Protein backbone atom coordinates (compact mmCIF):
# COMPACT_ATOMS: atom_id res chain seq x y z
CA ALA A 1 -2.37 96.47 38.48
CA LEU A 2 -3.50 99.10 36.05
CA ALA A 3 -0.54 98.69 33.70
CA PRO A 4 -1.17 95.00 32.89
CA ARG A 5 -4.89 95.69 32.45
CA ALA A 6 -4.18 98.61 30.14
CA ALA A 7 -1.76 96.49 28.12
CA ARG A 8 -4.38 93.73 27.84
CA LEU A 9 -7.03 96.21 26.69
CA ALA A 10 -4.61 97.61 24.13
CA ASP A 11 -3.85 94.13 22.83
CA GLU A 12 -7.57 93.37 22.58
CA ALA A 13 -8.15 96.64 20.75
CA ASP A 14 -5.35 95.85 18.32
CA ALA A 15 -6.79 92.39 17.76
CA GLN A 16 -10.26 93.78 17.13
CA GLN A 17 -8.83 96.37 14.74
CA ARG A 18 -6.95 93.68 12.83
CA GLU A 19 -10.09 91.54 12.70
CA SER A 20 -12.12 94.49 11.47
CA LEU A 21 -9.56 95.23 8.77
CA ARG A 22 -9.55 91.56 7.76
CA LEU A 23 -13.34 91.50 7.54
CA LEU A 24 -13.33 94.78 5.60
CA ALA A 25 -10.77 93.37 3.15
CA ILE A 26 -12.88 90.24 2.72
CA ALA A 27 -16.01 92.35 2.16
CA LEU A 28 -14.18 94.49 -0.43
CA ALA A 29 -12.92 91.39 -2.20
CA VAL A 30 -16.40 89.87 -2.25
CA ALA A 31 -17.83 93.17 -3.52
CA CYS A 32 -15.25 93.32 -6.31
CA VAL A 33 -15.99 89.73 -7.33
CA LEU A 34 -19.73 90.37 -7.27
CA GLY A 35 -19.24 93.58 -9.24
CA ALA A 36 -17.16 91.78 -11.86
CA LEU A 37 -19.73 88.98 -12.14
CA THR A 38 -22.54 91.51 -12.40
CA ALA A 39 -20.66 93.41 -15.09
CA LEU A 40 -20.02 90.20 -17.05
CA ARG A 41 -23.64 89.18 -16.75
CA ALA A 42 -24.83 92.63 -17.81
CA ASP A 43 -22.45 92.59 -20.78
CA ARG A 44 -23.64 89.13 -21.77
CA THR A 45 -27.24 90.28 -21.46
CA LEU A 46 -26.93 93.62 -23.21
CA ARG A 47 -24.49 92.65 -25.99
CA PRO A 48 -27.27 91.01 -28.10
CA LEU A 49 -29.29 94.20 -27.76
CA ALA A 50 -26.43 96.18 -29.27
CA VAL A 51 -26.16 93.62 -32.07
CA LEU A 52 -29.92 93.84 -32.62
CA ARG A 53 -29.72 97.64 -32.69
CA ASP A 54 -26.98 97.55 -35.34
CA ARG A 55 -29.01 95.02 -37.31
CA ALA A 56 -32.08 97.27 -37.20
CA ARG A 57 -30.00 100.18 -38.51
CA ALA A 58 -28.66 98.04 -41.33
CA VAL A 59 -32.16 96.92 -42.29
CA ALA A 60 -33.35 100.54 -42.23
CA GLY A 61 -30.52 101.28 -44.67
CA GLY A 62 -31.77 98.61 -47.07
CA ASP A 63 -29.66 95.60 -46.02
CA LEU A 64 -32.15 92.71 -46.12
CA ALA A 65 -29.57 89.92 -46.33
CA ALA A 66 -30.00 87.00 -43.92
CA ALA A 67 -28.16 87.33 -40.60
CA THR A 68 -27.21 84.94 -37.80
CA VAL A 69 -29.74 84.88 -34.99
CA PRO A 70 -28.37 84.69 -31.41
CA GLN A 71 -29.17 81.29 -29.88
CA ARG A 72 -30.69 82.41 -26.62
CA ASP A 73 -33.64 80.96 -24.76
CA ASP A 74 -34.87 84.22 -23.29
CA GLU A 75 -36.89 87.26 -24.31
CA ILE A 76 -33.95 88.82 -26.15
CA GLY A 77 -33.49 85.68 -28.21
CA ASP A 78 -37.20 85.58 -29.00
CA LEU A 79 -37.08 89.24 -30.03
CA ALA A 80 -34.09 88.64 -32.32
CA ARG A 81 -35.75 85.64 -33.98
CA GLU A 82 -39.01 87.52 -34.53
CA PHE A 83 -37.08 90.46 -35.98
CA GLU A 84 -35.24 88.20 -38.44
CA ARG A 85 -38.52 86.57 -39.47
CA MET A 86 -39.87 90.03 -40.18
CA VAL A 87 -36.74 90.90 -42.21
CA ARG A 88 -37.11 87.72 -44.28
CA SER A 89 -40.76 88.55 -44.92
CA VAL A 90 -39.85 92.08 -46.02
CA ALA A 91 -37.07 90.73 -48.23
CA ALA A 92 -39.46 88.27 -49.91
CA ARG A 93 -42.03 91.01 -50.50
CA ASP A 94 -39.32 93.31 -51.83
CA ALA A 95 -38.22 90.62 -54.28
CA GLN A 96 -41.82 90.15 -55.43
CA LEU A 97 -42.23 93.89 -55.93
CA ARG A 98 -38.99 94.07 -57.91
CA GLU A 99 -40.12 91.19 -60.10
CA ALA A 100 -43.54 92.78 -60.62
CA ASN A 101 -41.90 96.11 -61.43
CA THR A 102 -39.67 94.41 -64.00
CA GLU A 103 -42.69 92.76 -65.60
CA ILE A 104 -44.59 96.06 -65.64
CA ARG A 105 -41.67 97.85 -67.28
CA ALA A 106 -41.39 95.10 -69.88
CA ALA A 107 -45.13 95.36 -70.58
CA GLU A 108 -44.86 99.14 -70.86
CA ARG A 109 -41.98 98.86 -73.34
CA HIS A 110 -43.93 96.30 -75.35
CA LEU A 111 -47.01 98.54 -75.35
CA GLU A 112 -44.91 101.51 -76.43
CA GLN A 113 -43.49 99.49 -79.30
CA VAL A 114 -46.98 98.41 -80.36
CA VAL A 115 -48.34 101.96 -80.20
CA SER A 116 -45.31 103.32 -82.04
CA SER A 117 -45.77 100.81 -84.84
CA LEU A 118 -49.46 101.64 -85.36
CA ARG A 119 -50.46 103.31 -88.59
CA ALA A 120 -53.10 105.31 -86.72
CA ALA A 121 -52.13 108.51 -84.91
CA VAL A 122 -52.48 108.26 -81.13
CA LEU A 123 -52.56 111.27 -78.80
CA VAL A 124 -52.96 111.28 -75.02
CA VAL A 125 -54.43 114.59 -73.84
CA ARG A 126 -54.32 115.98 -70.29
CA GLY A 127 -57.21 117.60 -68.51
CA ASP A 128 -55.91 121.06 -69.46
CA ARG A 129 -56.10 120.00 -73.14
CA THR A 130 -52.33 119.80 -73.57
CA VAL A 131 -50.74 116.75 -75.20
CA GLU A 132 -49.23 114.24 -72.79
CA SER A 133 -47.72 111.95 -75.42
CA ALA A 134 -47.97 111.12 -79.11
CA ASN A 135 -46.86 108.13 -81.17
CA ALA A 136 -44.70 108.24 -84.29
CA ALA A 137 -47.70 108.26 -86.67
CA ALA A 138 -49.10 111.35 -84.94
CA LEU A 139 -45.76 113.13 -85.21
CA ARG A 140 -45.56 112.30 -88.92
CA TRP A 141 -49.11 113.53 -89.44
CA GLU A 142 -48.45 116.76 -87.57
CA GLU A 143 -44.98 117.10 -89.12
CA GLN A 144 -43.59 117.95 -85.69
CA PRO A 145 -40.58 116.51 -83.77
CA GLY A 146 -42.63 116.52 -80.56
CA LEU A 147 -46.04 117.48 -79.26
CA GLU A 148 -45.68 117.21 -75.48
CA GLY A 149 -47.14 120.30 -73.82
CA VAL A 150 -48.77 121.57 -77.02
CA THR A 151 -52.47 122.39 -76.77
CA VAL A 152 -54.47 119.81 -78.69
CA ASP A 153 -56.48 122.59 -80.33
CA ALA A 154 -53.25 123.82 -81.92
CA THR A 155 -52.65 120.50 -83.67
CA ARG A 156 -54.00 119.59 -87.10
CA LEU A 157 -56.14 116.85 -85.57
CA GLY A 158 -57.56 118.97 -82.76
CA ALA A 159 -58.27 121.93 -85.01
CA ALA A 160 -61.25 120.14 -86.57
CA PRO A 161 -64.42 121.31 -84.77
CA LEU A 162 -65.84 117.80 -84.46
CA VAL A 163 -62.62 116.51 -82.90
CA ARG A 164 -62.37 119.51 -80.59
CA ASP A 165 -65.90 118.94 -79.34
CA ALA A 166 -65.25 115.21 -78.85
CA VAL A 167 -62.14 115.94 -76.76
CA ALA A 168 -64.13 118.38 -74.61
CA ALA A 169 -66.89 115.78 -74.10
CA ALA A 170 -64.34 113.14 -73.05
CA LEU A 171 -62.59 115.45 -70.60
CA GLN A 172 -65.70 116.99 -69.05
CA ASP A 173 -68.32 114.26 -69.21
CA GLY A 174 -66.30 111.08 -69.75
CA GLU A 175 -68.08 110.58 -73.08
CA THR A 176 -66.73 108.37 -75.86
CA ARG A 177 -67.26 109.41 -79.47
CA ALA A 178 -66.44 107.74 -82.78
CA LEU A 179 -66.30 110.08 -85.78
CA ASP A 180 -66.32 108.80 -89.36
CA ALA A 181 -64.42 110.44 -92.19
CA VAL A 182 -63.74 113.75 -90.46
CA PRO A 183 -62.30 116.21 -92.99
CA VAL A 184 -58.93 117.47 -91.81
CA GLY A 185 -57.25 119.51 -94.51
CA ASP A 186 -57.20 117.42 -97.69
CA ARG A 187 -57.48 114.16 -95.76
CA ALA A 188 -60.36 112.16 -94.24
CA LEU A 189 -59.87 110.60 -90.81
CA ASP A 190 -61.81 108.14 -88.71
CA VAL A 191 -61.39 109.55 -85.20
CA SER A 192 -62.14 107.89 -81.87
CA VAL A 193 -62.00 109.93 -78.65
CA ALA A 194 -62.42 108.28 -75.24
CA PRO A 195 -61.76 109.24 -71.60
CA PHE A 196 -58.37 108.12 -70.31
CA VAL A 197 -56.96 107.93 -66.78
CA LEU A 198 -53.55 109.58 -66.41
CA GLY A 199 -51.07 108.40 -63.79
CA GLU A 200 -51.68 106.92 -60.36
CA ASP A 201 -53.58 109.97 -59.10
CA GLY A 202 -56.48 109.15 -61.43
CA ALA A 203 -56.43 112.47 -63.27
CA ARG A 204 -58.88 112.55 -66.16
CA GLY A 205 -57.51 112.78 -69.67
CA ALA A 206 -58.54 111.78 -73.17
CA LEU A 207 -57.25 109.26 -75.70
CA LEU A 208 -57.49 110.34 -79.33
CA VAL A 209 -56.95 107.81 -82.12
CA ALA A 210 -57.13 108.94 -85.76
CA ASP A 211 -56.83 106.68 -88.81
CA ASP A 212 -56.33 108.10 -92.31
CA VAL A 213 -59.15 106.74 -94.47
CA THR A 214 -58.73 109.13 -97.39
CA GLU A 215 -58.22 106.38 -99.96
CA ARG A 216 -61.22 104.50 -98.63
CA GLU A 217 -63.42 107.57 -98.95
CA ARG A 218 -62.12 108.27 -102.44
CA ALA A 219 -62.89 104.70 -103.46
CA ARG A 220 -66.34 105.03 -101.93
CA GLY A 221 -66.88 108.26 -103.89
CA ARG A 222 -65.81 106.61 -107.13
CA LEU A 223 -68.16 103.71 -106.44
CA LEU A 224 -71.08 106.07 -105.78
CA GLN A 225 -70.31 107.98 -108.94
CA ALA A 226 -70.22 104.75 -110.92
CA GLU A 227 -73.57 103.74 -109.46
CA ARG A 228 -75.08 107.06 -110.48
CA LEU A 229 -73.78 106.64 -114.00
């Protein structure tokens, strides 16, 4: 009686074991499928973030060209569209700045040409009384190939006491002075000295403009002599 019962129990145990193995295999299969679906969904969700990260790096490197925006109706899609709108705005502002810079450079070149063609000598003096720049007329007057870095007092124009005092007044007090017929060597010069802002830092300088009026003064002297006679 025990042998048949034991055989039956063994058969039931084998059946339960097989059923357990079958259920375990089904559970593993379902877990694998769910894992694969989760991985696919995660990849689909995170791939735009990687694209957005690469796009941000490219923009940081100066690439402001238009890019394709992922067509997604979620927060990642909204973030990508907002980022591209920001990039377009930066690109437009960059283009405006480049255009403005080109115009400024053209204006500076034009101004340099105008100053270079002036008959009057023009000197820009720094706060330490050294020459920042000089036009061609000033170089001809000083008979020097260049004056940058030279102390204005060491120039023929700045050696005149009246001019030296006017430069000091412009640098220290922001005062403008106009001097008529200042004797400089054997010449007479009308000299104007005014405060001048140097560079973007707003450093104080002075602008010195000198016009040779020797012939005018000689003609005036001849006229006065004729009137006396």
